[in-house]
Amino acid sequence: MAIFVVALPLLLLMALANWVAARGSAGARTAFHLGLFLLHSLLLIGGIVWRWFPPDVAALLGVGELPIDPALGGPPLIGIGLWGMVVSLRPVRLWLARLLPALDVESAVHTLALATIGYLAGNAALTLAPGLELLAESAVEATLLDILSQAAVFVLAAFVGVGLFLRRDGAAAAERLGLQRPTGRQLLTGVIWMVFFVFLQGCVSVTWVLLSPDEALQVSGLNETLLGNFDTVGEWLLLAAAAGLSEELLFRGALQPIFGIVPTSLIFAVSHVQYGLSPATLTVFMLSVVLGIIRKRSNTTVAILVHGGYNFTLGLLSLLAVYLEPLVG
């Protein structure tokens, strides 16, 4: 349950930001932005220390060698700190509001949402820091509990982020997140998009294997290591449902109304680069754009069903490939 410990400070910050927004006090907003600036300045200092004056953290914690070299792990933390400090400044938010019309420069919630982009990008950079080859060697199988725990954190972040029980009651929070009953026509459109993206994923995979077989094989091996523990239909159903529900609530439900479709899709793609920048990243971005359009034209519920159905179909196809491999051999 380490992910809950890591996520707890951010969830508390989200609750505090909503409390400040509910109060509507200029003094409270100023204090929040100042505190956010100071907090990220500490992260910046921590990144600098980690990069150029690395302490023996492994010895202090009583564990073995740390998986990330300080020379690689420090810069992402520096980037997170700098980004958080910059977006805490009102002139910067005023400039960003020209690019993001829905951004409220006075809102503590929107400022924290901007800072969250840095957390997602920094996490991706930390993941990629060791390099794909070393990452493949040190990869550990993900368990169903790991996946469900991450999904629970995303769901909590979505509901806390929109101010559940702080600025909105349950019905208002659900409406803000776009949770509505879909119509038959919306579901049919969603199924068509789901089939299209499964087909697109297949085309991208085949093209990738033809153009860069070594890289495709390496990523395939990493994916098998991480998700090889899921070998039943029920497990893939839970995996697909958890990913579809949690990611759509957070990205399409909570963040897209603030940032818009394309910026949110870029954030979504960056948060999915755990296998490096590859053709799959472009597929993720395109999928995110379509899910964003679905959310805007219909609701988040349909986006959840499309996302979950897409993941589940890919999971079934991977299971089918495993079952057919001995026959083909």
C-alpha atoms as a PDB file:
ATOM      1  CA  MET A   1       0.000   0.000   0.000  1.00  0.00           C
ATOM      2  CA  ALA A   2       2.992   2.275  -0.458  1.00  0.00           C
ATOM      3  CA  ILE A   3       1.190   4.159  -3.213  1.00  0.00           C
ATOM      4  CA  PHE A   4      -1.341   5.486  -0.693  1.00  0.00           C
ATOM      5  CA  VAL A   5       1.489   6.796   1.503  1.00  0.00           C
ATOM      6  CA  VAL A   6       3.070   8.533  -1.496  1.00  0.00           C
ATOM      7  CA  ALA A   7      -0.261   9.933  -2.706  1.00  0.00           C
ATOM      8  CA  LEU A   8      -1.497  11.095   0.704  1.00  0.00           C
ATOM      9  CA  PRO A   9       0.316  14.484   0.710  1.00  0.00           C
ATOM     10  CA  LEU A  10      -1.099  15.321  -2.723  1.00  0.00           C
ATOM     11  CA  LEU A  11      -4.612  14.291  -1.692  1.00  0.00           C
ATOM     12  CA  LEU A  12      -4.322  16.488   1.402  1.00  0.00           C
ATOM     13  CA  LEU A  13      -3.135  19.373  -0.799  1.00  0.00           C
ATOM     14  CA  MET A  14      -6.176  18.848  -3.034  1.00  0.00           C
ATOM     15  CA  ALA A  15      -8.491  18.949  -0.028  1.00  0.00           C
ATOM     16  CA  LEU A  16      -6.782  22.121   1.226  1.00  0.00           C
ATOM     17  CA  ALA A  17      -7.050  23.764  -2.205  1.00  0.00           C
ATOM     18  CA  ASN A  18     -10.777  23.045  -2.310  1.00  0.00           C
ATOM     19  CA  TRP A  19     -11.204  24.358   1.229  1.00  0.00           C
ATOM     20  CA  VAL A  20      -9.465  27.583   0.156  1.00  0.00           C
ATOM     21  CA  ALA A  21     -11.679  27.793  -2.946  1.00  0.00           C
ATOM     22  CA  ALA A  22     -14.800  27.248  -0.810  1.00  0.00           C
ATOM     23  CA  ARG A  23     -13.815  30.063   1.550  1.00  0.00           C
ATOM     24  CA  GLY A  24     -13.322  32.507  -1.322  1.00  0.00           C
ATOM     25  CA  SER A  25     -10.897  34.588   0.740  1.00  0.00           C
ATOM     26  CA  ALA A  26      -8.177  36.486  -1.103  1.00  0.00           C
ATOM     27  CA  GLY A  27      -5.893  36.088   1.895  1.00  0.00           C
ATOM     28  CA  ALA A  28      -6.377  32.319   1.966  1.00  0.00           C
ATOM     29  CA  ARG A  29      -5.623  32.108  -1.775  1.00  0.00           C
ATOM     30  CA  THR A  30      -2.456  34.154  -1.377  1.00  0.00           C
ATOM     31  CA  ALA A  31      -1.313  32.004   1.543  1.00  0.00           C
ATOM     32  CA  PHE A  32      -1.986  28.818  -0.416  1.00  0.00           C
ATOM     33  CA  HIS A  33      -0.014  29.977  -3.441  1.00  0.00           C
ATOM     34  CA  LEU A  34       2.855  31.121  -1.237  1.00  0.00           C
ATOM     35  CA  GLY A  35       2.863  27.779   0.565  1.00  0.00           C
ATOM     36  CA  LEU A  36       2.831  25.933  -2.755  1.00  0.00           C
ATOM     37  CA  PHE A  37       5.791  28.003  -3.926  1.00  0.00           C
ATOM     38  CA  LEU A  38       7.774  27.228  -0.758  1.00  0.00           C
ATOM     39  CA  LEU A  39       6.885  23.529  -0.904  1.00  0.00           C
ATOM     40  CA  HIS A  40       8.194  23.213  -4.437  1.00  0.00           C
ATOM     41  CA  SER A  41      11.303  25.203  -3.581  1.00  0.00           C
ATOM     42  CA  LEU A  42      12.052  22.451  -1.061  1.00  0.00           C
ATOM     43  CA  LEU A  43      11.590  19.858  -3.810  1.00  0.00           C
ATOM     44  CA  LEU A  44      13.967  21.864  -5.983  1.00  0.00           C
ATOM     45  CA  ILE A  45      16.587  21.920  -3.231  1.00  0.00           C
ATOM     46  CA  GLY A  46      16.059  18.207  -2.643  1.00  0.00           C
ATOM     47  CA  GLY A  47      16.620  17.521  -6.340  1.00  0.00           C
ATOM     48  CA  ILE A  48      19.817  19.581  -6.343  1.00  0.00           C
ATOM     49  CA  VAL A  49      21.137  17.752  -3.266  1.00  0.00           C
ATOM     50  CA  TRP A  50      20.195  14.384  -4.770  1.00  0.00           C
ATOM     51  CA  ARG A  51      21.913  15.259  -8.059  1.00  0.00           C
ATOM     52  CA  TRP A  52      25.171  16.854  -6.881  1.00  0.00           C
ATOM     53  CA  PHE A  53      25.467  15.913  -3.187  1.00  0.00           C
ATOM     54  CA  PRO A  54      23.712  12.552  -2.940  1.00  0.00           C
ATOM     55  CA  PRO A  55      23.375  11.295   0.644  1.00  0.00           C
ATOM     56  CA  ASP A  56      23.606   7.599   1.384  1.00  0.00           C
ATOM     57  CA  VAL A  57      19.822   7.207   1.521  1.00  0.00           C
ATOM     58  CA  ALA A  58      20.039   3.453   1.008  1.00  0.00           C
ATOM     59  CA  ALA A  59      22.147   3.060   4.148  1.00  0.00           C
ATOM     60  CA  LEU A  60      19.815   5.308   6.145  1.00  0.00           C
ATOM     61  CA  LEU A  61      16.812   3.234   5.124  1.00  0.00           C
ATOM     62  CA  GLY A  62      18.609  -0.035   5.646  1.00  0.00           C
ATOM     63  CA  VAL A  63      17.985  -1.236   2.098  1.00  0.00           C
ATOM     64  CA  GLY A  64      20.182  -2.318  -0.773  1.00  0.00           C
ATOM     65  CA  GLU A  65      21.417  -0.223  -3.660  1.00  0.00           C
ATOM     66  CA  LEU A  66      18.890   2.339  -4.890  1.00  0.00           C
ATOM     67  CA  PRO A  67      17.468   1.525  -8.368  1.00  0.00           C
ATOM     68  CA  ILE A  68      17.937   5.080  -9.690  1.00  0.00           C
ATOM     69  CA  ASP A  69      21.296   6.762 -10.002  1.00  0.00           C
ATOM     70  CA  PRO A  70      21.325  10.241  -8.356  1.00  0.00           C
ATOM     71  CA  ALA A  71      22.646  11.720 -11.592  1.00  0.00           C
ATOM     72  CA  LEU A  72      19.476  10.493 -13.324  1.00  0.00           C
ATOM     73  CA  GLY A  73      16.950  10.837 -10.514  1.00  0.00           C
ATOM     74  CA  GLY A  74      17.879  14.355  -9.419  1.00  0.00           C
ATOM     75  CA  PRO A  75      16.926  16.281 -12.607  1.00  0.00           C
ATOM     76  CA  PRO A  76      13.272  15.104 -12.664  1.00  0.00           C
ATOM     77  CA  LEU A  77      12.863  16.232  -9.054  1.00  0.00           C
ATOM     78  CA  ILE A  78      14.463  19.564  -9.946  1.00  0.00           C
ATOM     79  CA  GLY A  79      12.004  19.878 -12.832  1.00  0.00           C
ATOM     80  CA  ILE A  80       9.032  19.132 -10.575  1.00  0.00           C
ATOM     81  CA  GLY A  81      10.189  21.766  -8.101  1.00  0.00           C
ATOM     82  CA  LEU A  82      10.815  24.430 -10.740  1.00  0.00           C
ATOM     83  CA  TRP A  83       7.484  23.812 -12.479  1.00  0.00           C
ATOM     84  CA  GLY A  84       5.571  24.002  -9.197  1.00  0.00           C
ATOM     85  CA  MET A  85       7.312  27.248  -8.253  1.00  0.00           C
ATOM     86  CA  VAL A  86       6.656  28.809 -11.659  1.00  0.00           C
ATOM     87  CA  VAL A  87       2.931  27.989 -11.805  1.00  0.00           C
ATOM     88  CA  SER A  88       2.521  29.334  -8.261  1.00  0.00           C
ATOM     89  CA  LEU A  89       3.263  32.811  -9.660  1.00  0.00           C
ATOM     90  CA  ARG A  90       0.195  34.747 -10.809  1.00  0.00           C
ATOM     91  CA  PRO A  91       1.842  36.393 -13.879  1.00  0.00           C
ATOM     92  CA  VAL A  92       2.725  32.942 -15.192  1.00  0.00           C
ATOM     93  CA  ARG A  93      -0.848  31.721 -14.720  1.00  0.00           C
ATOM     94  CA  LEU A  94      -2.126  34.825 -16.491  1.00  0.00           C
ATOM     95  CA  TRP A  95       0.073  33.933 -19.462  1.00  0.00           C
ATOM     96  CA  LEU A  96      -1.041  30.291 -19.381  1.00  0.00           C
ATOM     97  CA  ALA A  97      -4.672  31.432 -19.331  1.00  0.00           C
ATOM     98  CA  ARG A  98      -4.163  32.752 -22.873  1.00  0.00           C
ATOM     99  CA  LEU A  99      -3.485  29.170 -23.954  1.00  0.00           C
ATOM    100  CA  LEU A 100      -5.997  27.566 -21.587  1.00  0.00           C
ATOM    101  CA  PRO A 101      -9.169  29.687 -21.636  1.00  0.00           C
ATOM    102  CA  ALA A 102     -10.883  27.637 -18.906  1.00  0.00           C
ATOM    103  CA  LEU A 103      -8.021  28.199 -16.460  1.00  0.00           C
ATOM    104  CA  ASP A 104      -8.997  30.320 -13.450  1.00  0.00           C
ATOM    105  CA  VAL A 105      -5.797  32.118 -12.454  1.00  0.00           C
ATOM    106  CA  GLU A 106      -7.161  32.892  -8.974  1.00  0.00           C
ATOM    107  CA  SER A 107      -8.256  29.333  -8.192  1.00  0.00           C
ATOM    108  CA  ALA A 108      -6.095  27.353  -5.783  1.00  0.00           C
ATOM    109  CA  VAL A 109      -7.580  24.172  -7.278  1.00  0.00           C
ATOM    110  CA  HIS A 110      -6.538  25.114 -10.814  1.00  0.00           C
ATOM    111  CA  THR A 111      -3.043  26.085  -9.657  1.00  0.00           C
ATOM    112  CA  LEU A 112      -2.633  22.715  -7.970  1.00  0.00           C
ATOM    113  CA  ALA A 113      -3.913  21.035 -11.139  1.00  0.00           C
ATOM    114  CA  LEU A 114      -1.115  22.797 -13.029  1.00  0.00           C
ATOM    115  CA  ALA A 115       1.409  21.579 -10.473  1.00  0.00           C
ATOM    116  CA  THR A 116       0.046  18.036 -10.867  1.00  0.00           C
ATOM    117  CA  ILE A 117       1.264  18.070 -14.486  1.00  0.00           C
ATOM    118  CA  GLY A 118       4.781  18.343 -13.085  1.00  0.00           C
ATOM    119  CA  TYR A 119       4.211  15.346 -10.800  1.00  0.00           C
ATOM    120  CA  LEU A 120       3.008  13.181 -13.687  1.00  0.00           C
ATOM    121  CA  ALA A 121       5.849  14.267 -15.977  1.00  0.00           C
ATOM    122  CA  GLY A 122       8.418  13.855 -13.222  1.00  0.00           C
ATOM    123  CA  ASN A 123       7.168  10.372 -12.405  1.00  0.00           C
ATOM    124  CA  ALA A 124       7.496   9.416 -16.069  1.00  0.00           C
ATOM    125  CA  ALA A 125      11.035  10.834 -16.170  1.00  0.00           C
ATOM    126  CA  LEU A 126      12.005   8.952 -13.003  1.00  0.00           C
ATOM    127  CA  THR A 127      10.637   5.746 -14.493  1.00  0.00           C
ATOM    128  CA  LEU A 128      12.596   6.200 -17.718  1.00  0.00           C
ATOM    129  CA  ALA A 129      15.778   7.430 -16.003  1.00  0.00           C
ATOM    130  CA  PRO A 130      17.503   4.017 -15.749  1.00  0.00           C
ATOM    131  CA  GLY A 131      16.962   3.350 -19.463  1.00  0.00           C
ATOM    132  CA  LEU A 132      14.793   0.744 -21.148  1.00  0.00           C
ATOM    133  CA  GLU A 133      17.374  -2.045 -20.916  1.00  0.00           C
ATOM    134  CA  LEU A 134      18.007  -1.613 -17.189  1.00  0.00           C
ATOM    135  CA  LEU A 135      14.292  -1.141 -16.605  1.00  0.00           C
ATOM    136  CA  ALA A 136      13.612  -4.475 -18.306  1.00  0.00           C
ATOM    137  CA  GLU A 137      16.223  -6.186 -16.145  1.00  0.00           C
ATOM    138  CA  SER A 138      14.872  -4.779 -12.872  1.00  0.00           C
ATOM    139  CA  ALA A 139      11.146  -5.002 -13.709  1.00  0.00           C
ATOM    140  CA  VAL A 140       8.914  -6.694 -11.152  1.00  0.00           C
ATOM    141  CA  GLU A 141       5.575  -8.338 -11.869  1.00  0.00           C
ATOM    142  CA  ALA A 142       2.630  -6.130 -11.052  1.00  0.00           C
ATOM    143  CA  THR A 143      -0.044  -7.728  -8.926  1.00  0.00           C
ATOM    144  CA  LEU A 144      -3.776  -7.175  -9.138  1.00  0.00           C
ATOM    145  CA  LEU A 145      -3.552  -5.406  -5.788  1.00  0.00           C
ATOM    146  CA  ASP A 146      -0.972  -2.994  -7.250  1.00  0.00           C
ATOM    147  CA  ILE A 147      -3.265  -2.144 -10.163  1.00  0.00           C
ATOM    148  CA  LEU A 148      -6.351  -1.738  -7.982  1.00  0.00           C
ATOM    149  CA  SER A 149      -4.419   0.408  -5.484  1.00  0.00           C
ATOM    150  CA  GLN A 150      -3.263   2.788  -8.205  1.00  0.00           C
ATOM    151  CA  ALA A 151      -6.789   2.937  -9.599  1.00  0.00           C
ATOM    152  CA  ALA A 152      -8.163   3.742  -6.148  1.00  0.00           C
ATOM    153  CA  VAL A 153      -5.674   6.616  -5.793  1.00  0.00           C
ATOM    154  CA  PHE A 154      -6.709   8.026  -9.182  1.00  0.00           C
ATOM    155  CA  VAL A 155     -10.404   7.800  -8.274  1.00  0.00           C
ATOM    156  CA  LEU A 156      -9.766   9.495  -4.924  1.00  0.00           C
ATOM    157  CA  ALA A 157      -7.742  12.210  -6.661  1.00  0.00           C
ATOM    158  CA  ALA A 158     -10.584  12.846  -9.120  1.00  0.00           C
ATOM    159  CA  PHE A 159     -13.287  13.180  -6.468  1.00  0.00           C
ATOM    160  CA  VAL A 160     -11.152  15.087  -3.955  1.00  0.00           C
ATOM    161  CA  GLY A 161      -9.897  17.297  -6.779  1.00  0.00           C
ATOM    162  CA  VAL A 162     -13.412  18.441  -7.730  1.00  0.00           C
ATOM    163  CA  GLY A 163     -14.201  19.123  -4.088  1.00  0.00           C
ATOM    164  CA  LEU A 164     -16.460  16.253  -3.018  1.00  0.00           C
ATOM    165  CA  PHE A 165     -18.016  17.194   0.348  1.00  0.00           C
ATOM    166  CA  LEU A 166     -15.899  20.358   0.381  1.00  0.00           C
ATOM    167  CA  ARG A 167     -17.367  22.431  -2.459  1.00  0.00           C
ATOM    168  CA  ARG A 168     -19.800  19.943  -4.020  1.00  0.00           C
ATOM    169  CA  ASP A 169     -22.162  17.254  -2.808  1.00  0.00           C
ATOM    170  CA  GLY A 170     -22.219  13.803  -4.417  1.00  0.00           C
ATOM    171  CA  ALA A 171     -24.567  14.723  -7.256  1.00  0.00           C
ATOM    172  CA  ALA A 172     -22.698  17.923  -8.107  1.00  0.00           C
ATOM    173  CA  ALA A 173     -19.334  16.123  -8.042  1.00  0.00           C
ATOM    174  CA  ALA A 174     -20.667  13.414 -10.373  1.00  0.00           C
ATOM    175  CA  GLU A 175     -22.003  16.082 -12.752  1.00  0.00           C
ATOM    176  CA  ARG A 176     -18.656  17.933 -12.699  1.00  0.00           C
ATOM    177  CA  LEU A 177     -16.860  14.686 -13.551  1.00  0.00           C
ATOM    178  CA  GLY A 178     -19.289  13.978 -16.411  1.00  0.00           C
ATOM    179  CA  LEU A 179     -20.832  10.840 -14.915  1.00  0.00           C
ATOM    180  CA  GLN A 180     -24.165  10.497 -16.690  1.00  0.00           C
ATOM    181  CA  ARG A 181     -26.284   7.657 -18.024  1.00  0.00           C
ATOM    182  CA  PRO A 182     -25.323   7.098 -21.677  1.00  0.00           C
ATOM    183  CA  THR A 183     -27.846   6.760 -24.470  1.00  0.00           C
ATOM    184  CA  GLY A 184     -27.967   3.839 -26.880  1.00  0.00           C
ATOM    185  CA  ARG A 185     -26.578   5.959 -29.686  1.00  0.00           C
ATOM    186  CA  GLN A 186     -23.670   7.101 -27.531  1.00  0.00           C
ATOM    187  CA  LEU A 187     -22.865   3.498 -26.642  1.00  0.00           C
ATOM    188  CA  LEU A 188     -22.954   2.452 -30.298  1.00  0.00           C
ATOM    189  CA  THR A 189     -20.571   5.259 -31.232  1.00  0.00           C
ATOM    190  CA  GLY A 190     -18.298   4.188 -28.397  1.00  0.00           C
ATOM    191  CA  VAL A 191     -18.222   0.584 -29.603  1.00  0.00           C
ATOM    192  CA  ILE A 192     -17.272   1.731 -33.109  1.00  0.00           C
ATOM    193  CA  TRP A 193     -14.379   3.793 -31.737  1.00  0.00           C
ATOM    194  CA  MET A 194     -13.269   0.902 -29.549  1.00  0.00           C
ATOM    195  CA  VAL A 195     -13.101  -1.482 -32.521  1.00  0.00           C
ATOM    196  CA  PHE A 196     -11.233   1.115 -34.564  1.00  0.00           C
ATOM    197  CA  PHE A 197      -8.556   1.593 -31.928  1.00  0.00           C
ATOM    198  CA  VAL A 198      -8.068  -2.132 -31.435  1.00  0.00           C
ATOM    199  CA  PHE A 199      -7.479  -2.346 -35.191  1.00  0.00           C
ATOM    200  CA  LEU A 200      -5.163   0.686 -35.075  1.00  0.00           C
ATOM    201  CA  GLN A 201      -3.189  -0.845 -32.209  1.00  0.00           C
ATOM    202  CA  GLY A 202      -2.679  -3.992 -34.281  1.00  0.00           C
ATOM    203  CA  CYS A 203      -1.452  -1.979 -37.277  1.00  0.00           C
ATOM    204  CA  VAL A 204       0.948   0.043 -35.120  1.00  0.00           C
ATOM    205  CA  SER A 205       2.312  -3.118 -33.476  1.00  0.00           C
ATOM    206  CA  VAL A 206       2.951  -4.841 -36.810  1.00  0.00           C
ATOM    207  CA  THR A 207       4.605  -1.721 -38.265  1.00  0.00           C
ATOM    208  CA  TRP A 208       6.759  -1.324 -35.163  1.00  0.00           C
ATOM    209  CA  VAL A 209       7.952  -4.933 -35.355  1.00  0.00           C
ATOM    210  CA  LEU A 210       8.882  -4.469 -39.021  1.00  0.00           C
ATOM    211  CA  LEU A 211      10.718  -1.164 -38.539  1.00  0.00           C
ATOM    212  CA  SER A 212      12.370  -1.766 -35.166  1.00  0.00           C
ATOM    213  CA  PRO A 213      12.162  -5.448 -34.226  1.00  0.00           C
ATOM    214  CA  ASP A 214      14.731  -5.266 -31.399  1.00  0.00           C
ATOM    215  CA  GLU A 215      12.998  -2.397 -29.608  1.00  0.00           C
ATOM    216  CA  ALA A 216       9.580  -3.975 -30.111  1.00  0.00           C
ATOM    217  CA  LEU A 217      10.851  -7.273 -28.687  1.00  0.00           C
ATOM    218  CA  GLN A 218      12.399  -5.512 -25.693  1.00  0.00           C
ATOM    219  CA  VAL A 219       9.193  -3.635 -24.894  1.00  0.00           C
ATOM    220  CA  SER A 220       7.162  -6.809 -25.416  1.00  0.00           C
ATOM    221  CA  GLY A 221       9.394  -8.617 -22.931  1.00  0.00           C
ATOM    222  CA  LEU A 222       9.040  -5.784 -20.408  1.00  0.00           C
ATOM    223  CA  ASN A 223       5.280  -5.790 -20.833  1.00  0.00           C
ATOM    224  CA  GLU A 224       5.210  -9.562 -20.342  1.00  0.00           C
ATOM    225  CA  THR A 225       7.274  -9.231 -17.162  1.00  0.00           C
ATOM    226  CA  LEU A 226       5.034  -6.532 -15.716  1.00  0.00           C
ATOM    227  CA  LEU A 227       1.672  -8.029 -16.717  1.00  0.00           C
ATOM    228  CA  GLY A 228       2.547 -11.689 -17.165  1.00  0.00           C
ATOM    229  CA  ASN A 229       0.858 -12.430 -13.866  1.00  0.00           C
ATOM    230  CA  PHE A 230      -2.558 -11.751 -15.428  1.00  0.00           C
ATOM    231  CA  ASP A 231      -3.544 -14.957 -17.180  1.00  0.00           C
ATOM    232  CA  THR A 232      -7.303 -15.266 -16.735  1.00  0.00           C
ATOM    233  CA  VAL A 233     -10.265 -13.484 -18.283  1.00  0.00           C
ATOM    234  CA  GLY A 234     -11.481 -12.338 -14.869  1.00  0.00           C
ATOM    235  CA  GLU A 235      -8.170 -10.718 -14.004  1.00  0.00           C
ATOM    236  CA  TRP A 236      -8.037  -8.867 -17.313  1.00  0.00           C
ATOM    237  CA  LEU A 237     -11.626  -7.725 -16.802  1.00  0.00           C
ATOM    238  CA  LEU A 238     -10.716  -6.227 -13.421  1.00  0.00           C
ATOM    239  CA  LEU A 239      -7.534  -4.713 -14.850  1.00  0.00           C
ATOM    240  CA  ALA A 240      -9.374  -3.134 -17.789  1.00  0.00           C
ATOM    241  CA  ALA A 241     -12.245  -1.866 -15.655  1.00  0.00           C
ATOM    242  CA  ALA A 242      -9.894  -0.361 -13.053  1.00  0.00           C
ATOM    243  CA  ALA A 243      -7.768   1.417 -15.663  1.00  0.00           C
ATOM    244  CA  GLY A 244     -10.755   2.670 -17.655  1.00  0.00           C
ATOM    245  CA  LEU A 245     -12.643   3.958 -14.627  1.00  0.00           C
ATOM    246  CA  SER A 246      -9.749   5.563 -12.770  1.00  0.00           C
ATOM    247  CA  GLU A 247      -7.901   7.151 -15.691  1.00  0.00           C
ATOM    248  CA  GLU A 248     -11.034   8.547 -17.311  1.00  0.00           C
ATOM    249  CA  LEU A 249     -12.288  10.008 -14.038  1.00  0.00           C
ATOM    250  CA  LEU A 250      -8.959  11.731 -13.429  1.00  0.00           C
ATOM    251  CA  PHE A 251      -7.951  12.832 -16.922  1.00  0.00           C
ATOM    252  CA  ARG A 252     -11.216  13.280 -18.825  1.00  0.00           C
ATOM    253  CA  GLY A 253     -13.466  13.907 -15.843  1.00  0.00           C
ATOM    254  CA  ALA A 254     -11.372  16.157 -13.606  1.00  0.00           C
ATOM    255  CA  LEU A 255      -8.541  17.628 -15.701  1.00  0.00           C
ATOM    256  CA  GLN A 256      -9.986  18.060 -19.205  1.00  0.00           C
ATOM    257  CA  PRO A 257     -12.515  20.793 -18.271  1.00  0.00           C
ATOM    258  CA  ILE A 258      -9.561  22.846 -17.002  1.00  0.00           C
ATOM    259  CA  PHE A 259      -6.950  22.176 -19.686  1.00  0.00           C
ATOM    260  CA  GLY A 260      -8.926  21.170 -22.783  1.00  0.00           C
ATOM    261  CA  ILE A 261      -8.720  18.087 -24.987  1.00  0.00           C
ATOM    262  CA  VAL A 262      -5.265  18.392 -26.603  1.00  0.00           C
ATOM    263  CA  PRO A 263      -3.270  19.509 -23.508  1.00  0.00           C
ATOM    264  CA  THR A 264      -4.957  16.791 -21.430  1.00  0.00           C
ATOM    265  CA  SER A 265      -4.111  14.225 -24.114  1.00  0.00           C
ATOM    266  CA  LEU A 266      -0.468  15.312 -24.054  1.00  0.00           C
ATOM    267  CA  ILE A 267      -0.441  14.903 -20.268  1.00  0.00           C
ATOM    268  CA  PHE A 268      -2.112  11.504 -20.641  1.00  0.00           C
ATOM    269  CA  ALA A 269       0.450  10.357 -23.213  1.00  0.00           C
ATOM    270  CA  VAL A 270       3.369  11.555 -21.067  1.00  0.00           C
ATOM    271  CA  SER A 271       2.025   9.602 -18.097  1.00  0.00           C
ATOM    272  CA  HIS A 272       2.032   6.449 -20.284  1.00  0.00           C
ATOM    273  CA  VAL A 273       5.634   6.560 -21.508  1.00  0.00           C
ATOM    274  CA  GLN A 274       6.802   3.900 -19.045  1.00  0.00           C
ATOM    275  CA  TYR A 275       8.116   1.938 -22.042  1.00  0.00           C
ATOM    276  CA  GLY A 276       9.893   4.924 -23.571  1.00  0.00           C
ATOM    277  CA  LEU A 277       8.908   7.156 -26.458  1.00  0.00           C
ATOM    278  CA  SER A 278       7.660   4.787 -29.154  1.00  0.00           C
ATOM    279  CA  PRO A 279       4.915   4.453 -31.777  1.00  0.00           C
ATOM    280  CA  ALA A 280       2.693   3.270 -28.939  1.00  0.00           C
ATOM    281  CA  THR A 281       2.947   6.762 -27.422  1.00  0.00           C
ATOM    282  CA  LEU A 282       1.332   8.263 -30.528  1.00  0.00           C
ATOM    283  CA  THR A 283      -1.434   5.674 -30.334  1.00  0.00           C
ATOM    284  CA  VAL A 284      -2.058   6.587 -26.690  1.00  0.00           C
ATOM    285  CA  PHE A 285      -2.231  10.283 -27.617  1.00  0.00           C
ATOM    286  CA  MET A 286      -4.710   9.628 -30.446  1.00  0.00           C
ATOM    287  CA  LEU A 287      -6.829   7.428 -28.180  1.00  0.00           C
ATOM    288  CA  SER A 288      -6.823  10.170 -25.562  1.00  0.00           C
ATOM    289  CA  VAL A 289      -7.937  12.810 -28.070  1.00  0.00           C
ATOM    290  CA  VAL A 290     -10.878  10.648 -29.156  1.00  0.00           C
ATOM    291  CA  LEU A 291     -11.787   9.910 -25.529  1.00  0.00           C
ATOM    292  CA  GLY A 292     -11.663  13.644 -24.893  1.00  0.00           C
ATOM    293  CA  ILE A 293     -14.058  14.298 -27.777  1.00  0.00           C
ATOM    294  CA  ILE A 294     -16.363  11.571 -26.447  1.00  0.00           C
ATOM    295  CA  ARG A 295     -16.300  13.177 -23.015  1.00  0.00           C
ATOM    296  CA  LYS A 296     -17.095  16.599 -24.480  1.00  0.00           C
ATOM    297  CA  ARG A 297     -19.847  15.490 -26.861  1.00  0.00           C
ATOM    298  CA  SER A 298     -21.454  12.897 -24.603  1.00  0.00           C
ATOM    299  CA  ASN A 299     -20.053  12.185 -21.117  1.00  0.00           C
ATOM    300  CA  THR A 300     -17.261  10.570 -19.145  1.00  0.00           C
ATOM    301  CA  THR A 301     -19.286   7.391 -18.629  1.00  0.00           C
ATOM    302  CA  VAL A 302     -19.027   6.545 -22.326  1.00  0.00           C
ATOM    303  CA  ALA A 303     -15.289   7.334 -22.280  1.00  0.00           C
ATOM    304  CA  ILE A 304     -14.880   4.928 -19.343  1.00  0.00           C
ATOM    305  CA  LEU A 305     -16.682   2.160 -21.244  1.00  0.00           C
ATOM    306  CA  VAL A 306     -14.635   2.737 -24.415  1.00  0.00           C
ATOM    307  CA  HIS A 307     -11.345   2.825 -22.521  1.00  0.00           C
ATOM    308  CA  GLY A 308     -12.177  -0.230 -20.439  1.00  0.00           C
ATOM    309  CA  GLY A 309     -13.497  -2.144 -23.445  1.00  0.00           C
ATOM    310  CA  TYR A 310     -10.381  -1.323 -25.457  1.00  0.00           C
ATOM    311  CA  ASN A 311      -8.075  -2.557 -22.688  1.00  0.00           C
ATOM    312  CA  PHE A 312     -10.166  -5.682 -22.120  1.00  0.00           C
ATOM    313  CA  THR A 313     -10.160  -6.559 -25.814  1.00  0.00           C
ATOM    314  CA  LEU A 314      -6.375  -6.212 -25.986  1.00  0.00           C
ATOM    315  CA  GLY A 315      -6.108  -8.396 -22.898  1.00  0.00           C
ATOM    316  CA  LEU A 316      -8.295 -11.087 -24.438  1.00  0.00           C
ATOM    317  CA  LEU A 317      -6.218 -11.006 -27.609  1.00  0.00           C
ATOM    318  CA  SER A 318      -3.013 -11.417 -25.590  1.00  0.00           C
ATOM    319  CA  LEU A 319      -4.539 -14.385 -23.742  1.00  0.00           C
ATOM    320  CA  LEU A 320      -5.627 -15.884 -27.036  1.00  0.00           C
ATOM    321  CA  ALA A 321      -2.090 -15.510 -28.397  1.00  0.00           C
ATOM    322  CA  VAL A 322      -0.702 -17.348 -25.355  1.00  0.00           C
ATOM    323  CA  TYR A 323      -3.195 -20.206 -25.746  1.00  0.00           C
ATOM    324  CA  LEU A 324      -2.570 -20.523 -29.491  1.00  0.00           C
ATOM    325  CA  GLU A 325       1.225 -20.366 -29.268  1.00  0.00           C
ATOM    326  CA  PRO A 326       1.680 -24.089 -28.472  1.00  0.00           C
ATOM    327  CA  LEU A 327      -0.655 -25.018 -31.331  1.00  0.00           C
ATOM    328  CA  VAL A 328       1.231 -22.803 -33.768  1.00  0.00           C
ATOM    329  CA  GLY A 329       4.510 -24.276 -32.558  1.00  0.00           C
END
